Amino acid sequence: MPGSKVSDKVEFRVWNPYRSKLGASIVNGIKSIYMKPGSKVLYLGAASGTTVSHVADIVGKEGSVFAVEFAKRPARQLVRMAQERGNVVPILADARLPNQYRLMVPMVDVIFSDVAQPDQTEIVMKNATHFLKDGGEVLIAIKASCVDSLAAPEDVFEAEIKKLEKEGWKPQERITLEPYQRNHTMITAKFR
């Protein structure tokens, strides 16, 4: 209709902290997730894209989310979700091998990781070397049992923080994801 203004669609969705480590960290009072409108985010361990869709909403049309997932079945759902959000780039690849997707990902403001692997901190640092802008931040969801199933969760979290510090990273915050995610913590860090 000439002269009328089309308004943007408003959508309200539940962000379940029992199904999203980022959601759990927000509910538990994390000071900053560093993602804001216009941010470019590299999301490692995107799964089917539920949390990725929330991140896409946060960064908005001016931002982008580069969502890396290794498993084919959840990646299919990730691709379907990305078709509805033009700011999500789904990438089927192993986050341990950032050279596989280096031509698809620009320098980013934030790296979020939910890969649940024994070497998850090393995976984040390797990706940061390739893609993180100076002054950028990382958020790492640490699942203690994936790193070391025999060690006490608290010892695992401390060891992961020490790995970051040894490589020149400055941890910013550490917050438990209990009761939403058992034996998980979120660590945020900046490169010095």
N, C-alpha and C. Protein backbone atom coordinates (compact mmCIF):
# COMPACT_ATOMS: atom_id res chain seq x y z
N MET A 1 0.85 -1.17 0.00
CA MET A 1 0.00 0.00 0.00
C MET A 1 0.90 1.24 0.00
N PRO A 2 0.74 2.15 -0.97
CA PRO A 2 1.60 3.33 -1.04
C PRO A 2 1.48 4.20 0.22
N GLY A 3 2.62 4.64 0.70
CA GLY A 3 2.64 5.55 1.84
C GLY A 3 2.57 4.88 3.19
N SER A 4 2.31 3.57 3.24
CA SER A 4 2.25 2.92 4.55
C SER A 4 3.62 2.35 4.92
N LYS A 5 3.87 2.29 6.20
CA LYS A 5 5.15 1.79 6.68
C LYS A 5 4.97 0.34 7.14
N VAL A 6 5.84 -0.52 6.66
CA VAL A 6 5.82 -1.92 7.07
C VAL A 6 6.68 -2.04 8.32
N SER A 7 6.11 -2.58 9.38
CA SER A 7 6.88 -2.73 10.62
C SER A 7 7.56 -4.08 10.65
N ASP A 8 8.67 -4.14 11.41
CA ASP A 8 9.38 -5.40 11.58
C ASP A 8 8.55 -6.35 12.42
N LYS A 9 8.69 -7.61 12.13
CA LYS A 9 7.99 -8.65 12.89
C LYS A 9 8.63 -8.75 14.27
N VAL A 10 7.81 -8.85 15.30
CA VAL A 10 8.30 -9.03 16.66
C VAL A 10 8.01 -10.46 17.06
N GLU A 11 9.05 -11.13 17.56
CA GLU A 11 8.90 -12.53 17.93
C GLU A 11 9.37 -12.70 19.38
N PHE A 12 8.57 -13.35 20.19
CA PHE A 12 8.93 -13.66 21.56
C PHE A 12 9.17 -15.16 21.65
N ARG A 13 10.33 -15.53 22.16
CA ARG A 13 10.67 -16.95 22.28
C ARG A 13 11.24 -17.22 23.67
N VAL A 14 11.08 -18.44 24.12
CA VAL A 14 11.66 -18.86 25.40
C VAL A 14 13.12 -19.25 25.15
N TRP A 15 14.00 -18.76 26.03
CA TRP A 15 15.42 -19.15 25.97
C TRP A 15 15.65 -20.01 27.20
N ASN A 16 15.62 -21.31 27.01
CA ASN A 16 15.64 -22.27 28.10
C ASN A 16 17.07 -22.50 28.62
N PRO A 17 17.38 -22.09 29.86
CA PRO A 17 18.73 -22.27 30.39
C PRO A 17 19.11 -23.74 30.60
N TYR A 18 18.13 -24.63 30.61
CA TYR A 18 18.42 -26.06 30.72
C TYR A 18 18.91 -26.63 29.39
N ARG A 19 18.68 -25.90 28.31
CA ARG A 19 19.08 -26.37 26.98
C ARG A 19 20.12 -25.48 26.32
N SER A 20 20.56 -24.43 27.02
CA SER A 20 21.51 -23.48 26.45
C SER A 20 22.51 -23.04 27.51
N LYS A 21 23.77 -23.32 27.27
CA LYS A 21 24.80 -22.91 28.23
C LYS A 21 24.94 -21.39 28.28
N LEU A 22 24.78 -20.73 27.15
CA LEU A 22 24.81 -19.27 27.15
C LEU A 22 23.60 -18.73 27.91
N GLY A 23 22.45 -19.33 27.69
CA GLY A 23 21.24 -18.93 28.43
C GLY A 23 21.42 -19.13 29.92
N ALA A 24 22.03 -20.26 30.32
CA ALA A 24 22.27 -20.53 31.75
C ALA A 24 23.22 -19.50 32.35
N SER A 25 24.24 -19.11 31.59
CA SER A 25 25.18 -18.11 32.13
C SER A 25 24.51 -16.75 32.30
N ILE A 26 23.59 -16.41 31.41
CA ILE A 26 22.87 -15.14 31.53
C ILE A 26 21.95 -15.17 32.76
N VAL A 27 21.19 -16.26 32.90
CA VAL A 27 20.30 -16.39 34.06
C VAL A 27 21.10 -16.36 35.36
N ASN A 28 22.31 -16.93 35.35
CA ASN A 28 23.14 -16.96 36.55
C ASN A 28 23.92 -15.67 36.80
N GLY A 29 23.72 -14.67 35.95
CA GLY A 29 24.27 -13.35 36.24
C GLY A 29 25.62 -13.00 35.65
N ILE A 30 25.99 -13.62 34.53
CA ILE A 30 27.26 -13.25 33.89
C ILE A 30 27.24 -11.75 33.60
N LYS A 31 28.37 -11.08 33.83
CA LYS A 31 28.42 -9.62 33.66
C LYS A 31 28.30 -9.20 32.21
N SER A 32 28.97 -9.95 31.32
CA SER A 32 28.91 -9.59 29.90
C SER A 32 29.08 -10.83 29.04
N ILE A 33 28.29 -10.90 27.97
CA ILE A 33 28.49 -11.95 26.97
C ILE A 33 29.22 -11.35 25.76
N TYR A 34 29.51 -10.05 25.80
CA TYR A 34 30.30 -9.33 24.79
C TYR A 34 29.64 -9.24 23.42
N MET A 35 28.51 -9.87 23.24
CA MET A 35 27.80 -9.84 21.97
C MET A 35 26.80 -8.70 22.02
N LYS A 36 26.82 -7.87 20.99
CA LYS A 36 25.89 -6.75 20.93
C LYS A 36 25.49 -6.53 19.47
N PRO A 37 24.50 -5.67 19.24
CA PRO A 37 24.10 -5.43 17.85
C PRO A 37 25.30 -5.03 16.99
N GLY A 38 25.41 -5.68 15.85
CA GLY A 38 26.50 -5.41 14.92
C GLY A 38 27.73 -6.29 15.11
N SER A 39 27.78 -7.07 16.17
CA SER A 39 28.94 -7.94 16.42
C SER A 39 29.03 -9.07 15.41
N LYS A 40 30.28 -9.49 15.17
CA LYS A 40 30.54 -10.70 14.40
C LYS A 40 30.99 -11.76 15.41
N VAL A 41 30.30 -12.91 15.39
CA VAL A 41 30.53 -13.97 16.38
C VAL A 41 30.88 -15.26 15.66
N LEU A 42 31.94 -15.91 16.13
CA LEU A 42 32.27 -17.27 15.69
C LEU A 42 31.75 -18.20 16.78
N TYR A 43 30.82 -19.07 16.43
CA TYR A 43 30.16 -19.96 17.38
C TYR A 43 30.64 -21.38 17.08
N LEU A 44 31.43 -21.93 17.99
CA LEU A 44 31.97 -23.28 17.82
C LEU A 44 31.10 -24.28 18.58
N GLY A 45 30.65 -25.31 17.90
CA GLY A 45 29.77 -26.29 18.52
C GLY A 45 28.32 -25.86 18.45
N ALA A 46 27.89 -25.49 17.26
CA ALA A 46 26.58 -24.88 17.06
C ALA A 46 25.41 -25.84 17.23
N ALA A 47 25.64 -27.13 17.13
CA ALA A 47 24.58 -28.14 17.23
C ALA A 47 23.45 -27.80 16.24
N SER A 48 22.20 -27.91 16.68
CA SER A 48 21.08 -27.68 15.77
C SER A 48 20.75 -26.19 15.60
N GLY A 49 21.39 -25.34 16.40
CA GLY A 49 21.24 -23.90 16.19
C GLY A 49 20.28 -23.18 17.09
N THR A 50 19.78 -23.83 18.14
CA THR A 50 18.83 -23.16 19.02
C THR A 50 19.46 -21.92 19.66
N THR A 51 20.60 -22.08 20.31
CA THR A 51 21.26 -20.92 20.93
C THR A 51 21.81 -19.98 19.86
N VAL A 52 22.27 -20.55 18.76
CA VAL A 52 22.75 -19.71 17.65
C VAL A 52 21.66 -18.74 17.21
N SER A 53 20.41 -19.20 17.17
CA SER A 53 19.32 -18.32 16.75
C SER A 53 19.15 -17.15 17.71
N HIS A 54 19.35 -17.38 19.00
CA HIS A 54 19.27 -16.30 19.98
C HIS A 54 20.44 -15.32 19.80
N VAL A 55 21.63 -15.85 19.55
CA VAL A 55 22.79 -15.00 19.30
C VAL A 55 22.55 -14.16 18.04
N ALA A 56 21.98 -14.78 17.01
CA ALA A 56 21.67 -14.06 15.77
C ALA A 56 20.71 -12.90 16.05
N ASP A 57 19.74 -13.13 16.94
CA ASP A 57 18.81 -12.06 17.29
C ASP A 57 19.52 -10.94 18.04
N ILE A 58 20.48 -11.29 18.91
CA ILE A 58 21.22 -10.28 19.68
C ILE A 58 22.06 -9.41 18.75
N VAL A 59 22.80 -10.02 17.81
CA VAL A 59 23.70 -9.23 16.95
C VAL A 59 22.93 -8.50 15.86
N GLY A 60 21.71 -8.95 15.57
CA GLY A 60 20.85 -8.24 14.64
C GLY A 60 21.29 -8.32 13.19
N LYS A 61 20.59 -7.56 12.37
CA LYS A 61 20.83 -7.60 10.92
C LYS A 61 22.21 -7.10 10.53
N GLU A 62 22.78 -6.21 11.33
CA GLU A 62 24.11 -5.67 11.03
C GLU A 62 25.23 -6.61 11.49
N GLY A 63 24.90 -7.58 12.34
CA GLY A 63 25.88 -8.53 12.84
C GLY A 63 25.82 -9.84 12.07
N SER A 64 26.74 -10.75 12.43
CA SER A 64 26.80 -12.06 11.78
C SER A 64 27.21 -13.11 12.80
N VAL A 65 26.70 -14.33 12.58
CA VAL A 65 27.11 -15.48 13.39
C VAL A 65 27.61 -16.56 12.44
N PHE A 66 28.86 -16.94 12.62
CA PHE A 66 29.48 -17.99 11.83
C PHE A 66 29.45 -19.24 12.70
N ALA A 67 28.54 -20.16 12.39
CA ALA A 67 28.21 -21.29 13.26
C ALA A 67 28.85 -22.57 12.74
N VAL A 68 29.82 -23.08 13.50
CA VAL A 68 30.57 -24.27 13.11
C VAL A 68 30.02 -25.48 13.85
N GLU A 69 29.67 -26.52 13.09
CA GLU A 69 29.19 -27.78 13.67
C GLU A 69 29.81 -28.94 12.89
N PHE A 70 30.24 -29.95 13.63
CA PHE A 70 30.91 -31.11 13.04
C PHE A 70 29.94 -32.22 12.65
N ALA A 71 28.92 -32.45 13.45
CA ALA A 71 27.99 -33.58 13.24
C ALA A 71 26.96 -33.23 12.16
N LYS A 72 26.78 -34.15 11.24
CA LYS A 72 25.91 -33.88 10.08
C LYS A 72 24.44 -33.73 10.44
N ARG A 73 23.92 -34.57 11.33
CA ARG A 73 22.48 -34.52 11.64
C ARG A 73 22.09 -33.16 12.24
N PRO A 74 22.74 -32.70 13.32
CA PRO A 74 22.36 -31.37 13.83
C PRO A 74 22.68 -30.25 12.84
N ALA A 75 23.70 -30.46 12.02
CA ALA A 75 24.04 -29.42 11.03
C ALA A 75 22.91 -29.21 10.03
N ARG A 76 22.17 -30.26 9.71
CA ARG A 76 21.02 -30.10 8.80
C ARG A 76 19.98 -29.17 9.42
N GLN A 77 19.72 -29.35 10.73
CA GLN A 77 18.78 -28.46 11.41
C GLN A 77 19.33 -27.04 11.49
N LEU A 78 20.63 -26.92 11.68
CA LEU A 78 21.29 -25.61 11.71
C LEU A 78 21.09 -24.88 10.38
N VAL A 79 21.24 -25.60 9.30
CA VAL A 79 21.05 -25.00 7.96
C VAL A 79 19.61 -24.53 7.80
N ARG A 80 18.65 -25.35 8.24
CA ARG A 80 17.23 -24.93 8.14
C ARG A 80 16.98 -23.66 8.95
N MET A 81 17.52 -23.59 10.16
CA MET A 81 17.35 -22.39 10.99
C MET A 81 17.98 -21.18 10.30
N ALA A 82 19.15 -21.38 9.70
CA ALA A 82 19.86 -20.27 9.05
C ALA A 82 19.10 -19.73 7.84
N GLN A 83 18.27 -20.54 7.23
CA GLN A 83 17.48 -20.07 6.09
C GLN A 83 16.49 -19.00 6.51
N GLU A 84 16.09 -19.01 7.78
CA GLU A 84 15.16 -18.01 8.29
C GLU A 84 15.86 -16.78 8.84
N ARG A 85 17.17 -16.87 9.03
CA ARG A 85 17.95 -15.75 9.59
C ARG A 85 19.12 -15.49 8.66
N GLY A 86 19.06 -14.39 7.98
CA GLY A 86 20.08 -14.06 6.98
C GLY A 86 21.44 -13.72 7.56
N ASN A 87 21.56 -13.62 8.88
CA ASN A 87 22.84 -13.26 9.47
C ASN A 87 23.58 -14.45 10.06
N VAL A 88 23.11 -15.68 9.77
CA VAL A 88 23.78 -16.89 10.24
C VAL A 88 24.41 -17.61 9.06
N VAL A 89 25.69 -17.94 9.21
CA VAL A 89 26.41 -18.71 8.19
C VAL A 89 26.73 -20.08 8.79
N PRO A 90 26.00 -21.13 8.40
CA PRO A 90 26.28 -22.46 8.93
C PRO A 90 27.50 -23.06 8.24
N ILE A 91 28.36 -23.69 9.03
CA ILE A 91 29.59 -24.26 8.50
C ILE A 91 29.73 -25.69 9.04
N LEU A 92 29.73 -26.67 8.15
CA LEU A 92 29.94 -28.06 8.54
C LEU A 92 31.45 -28.32 8.50
N ALA A 93 32.06 -28.34 9.69
CA ALA A 93 33.51 -28.52 9.77
C ALA A 93 33.90 -28.90 11.19
N ASP A 94 35.13 -29.35 11.33
CA ASP A 94 35.71 -29.68 12.63
C ASP A 94 36.37 -28.42 13.18
N ALA A 95 35.94 -27.96 14.35
CA ALA A 95 36.49 -26.73 14.95
C ALA A 95 37.98 -26.86 15.27
N ARG A 96 38.48 -28.10 15.31
CA ARG A 96 39.93 -28.30 15.53
C ARG A 96 40.74 -27.89 14.30
N LEU A 97 40.07 -27.74 13.18
CA LEU A 97 40.76 -27.47 11.91
C LEU A 97 40.26 -26.18 11.28
N PRO A 98 40.60 -25.03 11.88
CA PRO A 98 40.07 -23.76 11.36
C PRO A 98 40.50 -23.45 9.93
N ASN A 99 41.56 -24.09 9.44
CA ASN A 99 41.94 -23.87 8.04
C ASN A 99 40.87 -24.35 7.08
N GLN A 100 40.02 -25.31 7.52
CA GLN A 100 38.94 -25.81 6.67
C GLN A 100 37.91 -24.73 6.35
N TYR A 101 37.77 -23.75 7.22
CA TYR A 101 36.75 -22.72 7.01
C TYR A 101 37.32 -21.30 7.03
N ARG A 102 38.63 -21.19 6.86
CA ARG A 102 39.27 -19.86 6.95
C ARG A 102 38.80 -18.89 5.88
N LEU A 103 38.35 -19.38 4.75
CA LEU A 103 37.89 -18.48 3.69
C LEU A 103 36.44 -18.05 3.89
N MET A 104 35.75 -18.67 4.86
CA MET A 104 34.34 -18.36 5.11
C MET A 104 34.14 -17.43 6.29
N VAL A 105 35.15 -17.30 7.13
CA VAL A 105 35.00 -16.55 8.38
C VAL A 105 35.95 -15.35 8.39
N PRO A 106 35.42 -14.15 8.58
CA PRO A 106 36.27 -12.97 8.70
C PRO A 106 36.79 -12.84 10.13
N MET A 107 37.47 -11.78 10.42
CA MET A 107 37.86 -11.50 11.80
C MET A 107 36.58 -11.20 12.59
N VAL A 108 36.51 -11.75 13.81
CA VAL A 108 35.30 -11.64 14.61
C VAL A 108 35.57 -10.90 15.92
N ASP A 109 34.50 -10.40 16.54
CA ASP A 109 34.59 -9.70 17.81
C ASP A 109 34.59 -10.65 19.00
N VAL A 110 33.87 -11.78 18.84
CA VAL A 110 33.64 -12.72 19.94
C VAL A 110 33.70 -14.15 19.40
N ILE A 111 34.30 -15.03 20.20
CA ILE A 111 34.21 -16.47 19.93
C ILE A 111 33.48 -17.09 21.11
N PHE A 112 32.41 -17.83 20.80
CA PHE A 112 31.69 -18.60 21.81
C PHE A 112 31.92 -20.07 21.51
N SER A 113 32.27 -20.85 22.53
CA SER A 113 32.56 -22.26 22.33
C SER A 113 31.75 -23.15 23.24
N ASP A 114 31.13 -24.14 22.62
CA ASP A 114 30.39 -25.18 23.34
C ASP A 114 30.70 -26.50 22.63
N VAL A 115 31.99 -26.86 22.57
CA VAL A 115 32.38 -28.05 21.83
C VAL A 115 32.49 -29.32 22.68
N ALA A 116 32.54 -29.20 24.01
CA ALA A 116 32.56 -30.35 24.93
C ALA A 116 33.56 -31.42 24.49
N GLN A 117 34.80 -31.03 24.34
CA GLN A 117 35.89 -31.93 23.97
C GLN A 117 37.02 -31.79 24.99
N PRO A 118 37.86 -32.82 25.15
CA PRO A 118 38.96 -32.71 26.12
C PRO A 118 39.89 -31.53 25.84
N ASP A 119 40.04 -31.17 24.58
CA ASP A 119 40.94 -30.07 24.20
C ASP A 119 40.18 -28.80 23.83
N GLN A 120 39.02 -28.58 24.46
CA GLN A 120 38.16 -27.45 24.07
C GLN A 120 38.84 -26.10 24.24
N THR A 121 39.64 -25.91 25.27
CA THR A 121 40.31 -24.62 25.45
C THR A 121 41.35 -24.41 24.35
N GLU A 122 42.07 -25.45 23.99
CA GLU A 122 43.04 -25.34 22.90
C GLU A 122 42.34 -25.05 21.57
N ILE A 123 41.17 -25.65 21.36
CA ILE A 123 40.40 -25.39 20.13
C ILE A 123 40.03 -23.91 20.05
N VAL A 124 39.61 -23.33 21.16
CA VAL A 124 39.25 -21.91 21.17
C VAL A 124 40.47 -21.05 20.87
N MET A 125 41.58 -21.35 21.53
CA MET A 125 42.79 -20.53 21.32
C MET A 125 43.28 -20.63 19.88
N LYS A 126 43.18 -21.81 19.28
CA LYS A 126 43.60 -21.98 17.88
C LYS A 126 42.71 -21.15 16.96
N ASN A 127 41.39 -21.17 17.19
CA ASN A 127 40.47 -20.38 16.38
C ASN A 127 40.70 -18.89 16.61
N ALA A 128 41.02 -18.51 17.84
CA ALA A 128 41.27 -17.10 18.14
C ALA A 128 42.49 -16.59 17.37
N THR A 129 43.50 -17.43 17.24
CA THR A 129 44.70 -17.05 16.47
C THR A 129 44.33 -16.71 15.04
N HIS A 130 43.39 -17.44 14.47
CA HIS A 130 42.98 -17.22 13.08
C HIS A 130 41.97 -16.08 12.92
N PHE A 131 41.01 -15.97 13.87
CA PHE A 131 39.84 -15.15 13.59
C PHE A 131 39.52 -14.03 14.57
N LEU A 132 40.09 -14.00 15.76
CA LEU A 132 39.67 -13.02 16.76
C LEU A 132 40.38 -11.68 16.57
N LYS A 133 39.59 -10.61 16.50
CA LYS A 133 40.14 -9.26 16.39
C LYS A 133 40.91 -8.90 17.65
N ASP A 134 41.85 -7.97 17.52
CA ASP A 134 42.52 -7.43 18.71
C ASP A 134 41.47 -6.87 19.64
N GLY A 135 41.57 -7.20 20.92
CA GLY A 135 40.59 -6.72 21.89
C GLY A 135 39.33 -7.56 21.96
N GLY A 136 39.26 -8.62 21.16
CA GLY A 136 38.09 -9.49 21.18
C GLY A 136 38.06 -10.38 22.41
N GLU A 137 36.91 -10.99 22.65
CA GLU A 137 36.73 -11.83 23.82
C GLU A 137 36.28 -13.23 23.41
N VAL A 138 36.53 -14.18 24.33
CA VAL A 138 36.06 -15.54 24.13
C VAL A 138 35.20 -15.95 25.32
N LEU A 139 34.23 -16.79 25.06
CA LEU A 139 33.40 -17.42 26.10
C LEU A 139 33.51 -18.92 25.87
N ILE A 140 33.91 -19.64 26.91
CA ILE A 140 34.10 -21.08 26.79
C ILE A 140 33.22 -21.79 27.81
N ALA A 141 32.29 -22.61 27.33
CA ALA A 141 31.46 -23.43 28.21
C ALA A 141 32.24 -24.71 28.48
N ILE A 142 32.72 -24.86 29.71
CA ILE A 142 33.53 -26.01 30.08
C ILE A 142 32.65 -27.07 30.74
N LYS A 143 32.64 -28.25 30.17
CA LYS A 143 31.96 -29.40 30.77
C LYS A 143 33.05 -30.27 31.37
N ALA A 144 33.13 -30.30 32.70
CA ALA A 144 34.23 -30.95 33.41
C ALA A 144 34.45 -32.40 32.96
N SER A 145 33.38 -33.17 32.84
CA SER A 145 33.52 -34.58 32.51
C SER A 145 34.06 -34.82 31.10
N CYS A 146 33.91 -33.87 30.22
CA CYS A 146 34.46 -34.02 28.86
C CYS A 146 35.97 -33.77 28.84
N VAL A 147 36.44 -32.95 29.76
CA VAL A 147 37.87 -32.66 29.83
C VAL A 147 38.59 -33.78 30.57
N ASP A 148 38.08 -34.15 31.76
CA ASP A 148 38.69 -35.20 32.57
C ASP A 148 37.60 -35.79 33.46
N SER A 149 37.14 -36.97 33.11
CA SER A 149 36.01 -37.57 33.84
C SER A 149 36.39 -38.06 35.23
N LEU A 150 37.69 -38.18 35.54
CA LEU A 150 38.12 -38.66 36.85
C LEU A 150 38.44 -37.54 37.83
N ALA A 151 38.72 -36.36 37.33
CA ALA A 151 39.10 -35.24 38.20
C ALA A 151 37.87 -34.53 38.76
N ALA A 152 38.04 -33.88 39.88
CA ALA A 152 36.97 -33.07 40.46
C ALA A 152 36.68 -31.91 39.52
N PRO A 153 35.41 -31.57 39.30
CA PRO A 153 35.07 -30.48 38.38
C PRO A 153 35.84 -29.18 38.69
N GLU A 154 35.95 -28.83 39.96
CA GLU A 154 36.65 -27.59 40.34
C GLU A 154 38.10 -27.61 39.87
N ASP A 155 38.76 -28.76 39.95
CA ASP A 155 40.14 -28.90 39.50
C ASP A 155 40.24 -28.74 37.98
N VAL A 156 39.25 -29.29 37.27
CA VAL A 156 39.22 -29.17 35.82
C VAL A 156 39.09 -27.70 35.42
N PHE A 157 38.17 -26.98 36.06
CA PHE A 157 37.96 -25.57 35.72
C PHE A 157 39.23 -24.76 35.96
N GLU A 158 39.88 -25.00 37.08
CA GLU A 158 41.12 -24.27 37.41
C GLU A 158 42.21 -24.59 36.39
N ALA A 159 42.31 -25.85 35.98
CA ALA A 159 43.32 -26.25 35.00
C ALA A 159 43.08 -25.56 33.66
N GLU A 160 41.81 -25.42 33.26
CA GLU A 160 41.50 -24.75 31.99
C GLU A 160 41.87 -23.27 32.05
N ILE A 161 41.61 -22.65 33.18
CA ILE A 161 41.99 -21.24 33.36
C ILE A 161 43.51 -21.09 33.29
N LYS A 162 44.24 -22.01 33.89
CA LYS A 162 45.71 -21.98 33.85
C LYS A 162 46.24 -22.12 32.42
N LYS A 163 45.58 -22.97 31.63
CA LYS A 163 45.98 -23.12 30.22
C LYS A 163 45.87 -21.78 29.49
N LEU A 164 44.76 -21.08 29.73
CA LEU A 164 44.57 -19.77 29.10
C LEU A 164 45.65 -18.80 29.55
N GLU A 165 45.87 -18.72 30.85
CA GLU A 165 46.88 -17.79 31.39
C GLU A 165 48.27 -18.09 30.85
N LYS A 166 48.61 -19.36 30.74
CA LYS A 166 49.93 -19.76 30.24
C LYS A 166 50.17 -19.25 28.82
N GLU A 167 49.09 -19.18 28.04
CA GLU A 167 49.20 -18.72 26.65
C GLU A 167 48.97 -17.22 26.49
N GLY A 168 48.94 -16.49 27.60
CA GLY A 168 48.83 -15.03 27.52
C GLY A 168 47.42 -14.48 27.57
N TRP A 169 46.45 -15.31 27.90
CA TRP A 169 45.06 -14.87 28.01
C TRP A 169 44.80 -14.35 29.42
N LYS A 170 43.89 -13.40 29.51
CA LYS A 170 43.50 -12.86 30.81
C LYS A 170 42.05 -13.24 31.07
N PRO A 171 41.83 -14.23 31.96
CA PRO A 171 40.44 -14.58 32.30
C PRO A 171 39.72 -13.38 32.89
N GLN A 172 38.47 -13.18 32.45
CA GLN A 172 37.65 -12.06 32.90
C GLN A 172 36.65 -12.46 33.96
N GLU A 173 36.02 -13.62 33.72
CA GLU A 173 34.95 -14.04 34.62
C GLU A 173 34.80 -15.55 34.53
N ARG A 174 34.36 -16.09 35.64
CA ARG A 174 34.02 -17.51 35.68
C ARG A 174 32.72 -17.63 36.44
N ILE A 175 31.75 -18.30 35.82
CA ILE A 175 30.43 -18.41 36.47
C ILE A 175 29.91 -19.84 36.31
N THR A 176 29.39 -20.38 37.38
CA THR A 176 28.82 -21.73 37.32
C THR A 176 27.54 -21.73 36.49
N LEU A 177 27.29 -22.86 35.86
CA LEU A 177 26.05 -23.02 35.11
C LEU A 177 25.05 -23.90 35.86
N GLU A 178 25.38 -24.25 37.11
CA GLU A 178 24.46 -24.98 37.98
C GLU A 178 23.27 -24.07 38.31
N PRO A 179 22.12 -24.50 38.49
CA PRO A 179 21.63 -25.88 38.45
C PRO A 179 21.20 -26.31 37.05
N TYR A 180 21.40 -25.46 36.07
CA TYR A 180 20.89 -25.73 34.72
C TYR A 180 21.74 -26.73 33.95
N GLN A 181 23.04 -26.67 34.16
CA GLN A 181 23.97 -27.56 33.48
C GLN A 181 24.90 -28.13 34.55
N ARG A 182 24.85 -29.42 34.76
CA ARG A 182 25.62 -30.05 35.84
C ARG A 182 27.11 -30.09 35.51
N ASN A 183 27.92 -29.68 36.50
CA ASN A 183 29.39 -29.69 36.39
C ASN A 183 29.90 -28.91 35.16
N HIS A 184 29.28 -27.75 34.94
CA HIS A 184 29.68 -26.84 33.86
C HIS A 184 30.04 -25.48 34.47
N THR A 185 30.92 -24.79 33.78
CA THR A 185 31.19 -23.40 34.11
C THR A 185 31.42 -22.63 32.81
N MET A 186 31.18 -21.33 32.85
CA MET A 186 31.46 -20.47 31.71
C MET A 186 32.66 -19.61 32.07
N ILE A 187 33.66 -19.63 31.21
CA ILE A 187 34.85 -18.81 31.42
C ILE A 187 34.91 -17.80 30.28
N THR A 188 35.11 -16.53 30.64
CA THR A 188 35.32 -15.50 29.62
C THR A 188 36.77 -15.04 29.74
N ALA A 189 37.35 -14.67 28.61
CA ALA A 189 38.76 -14.26 28.61
C ALA A 189 39.05 -13.32 27.45
N LYS A 190 40.11 -12.54 27.63
CA LYS A 190 40.64 -11.65 26.60
C LYS A 190 42.11 -11.99 26.40
N PHE A 191 42.60 -11.76 25.21
CA PHE A 191 44.03 -11.91 25.00
C PHE A 191 44.69 -10.61 25.46
N ARG A 192 45.74 -10.74 26.24
CA ARG A 192 46.39 -9.54 26.80
C ARG A 192 46.95 -8.64 25.73
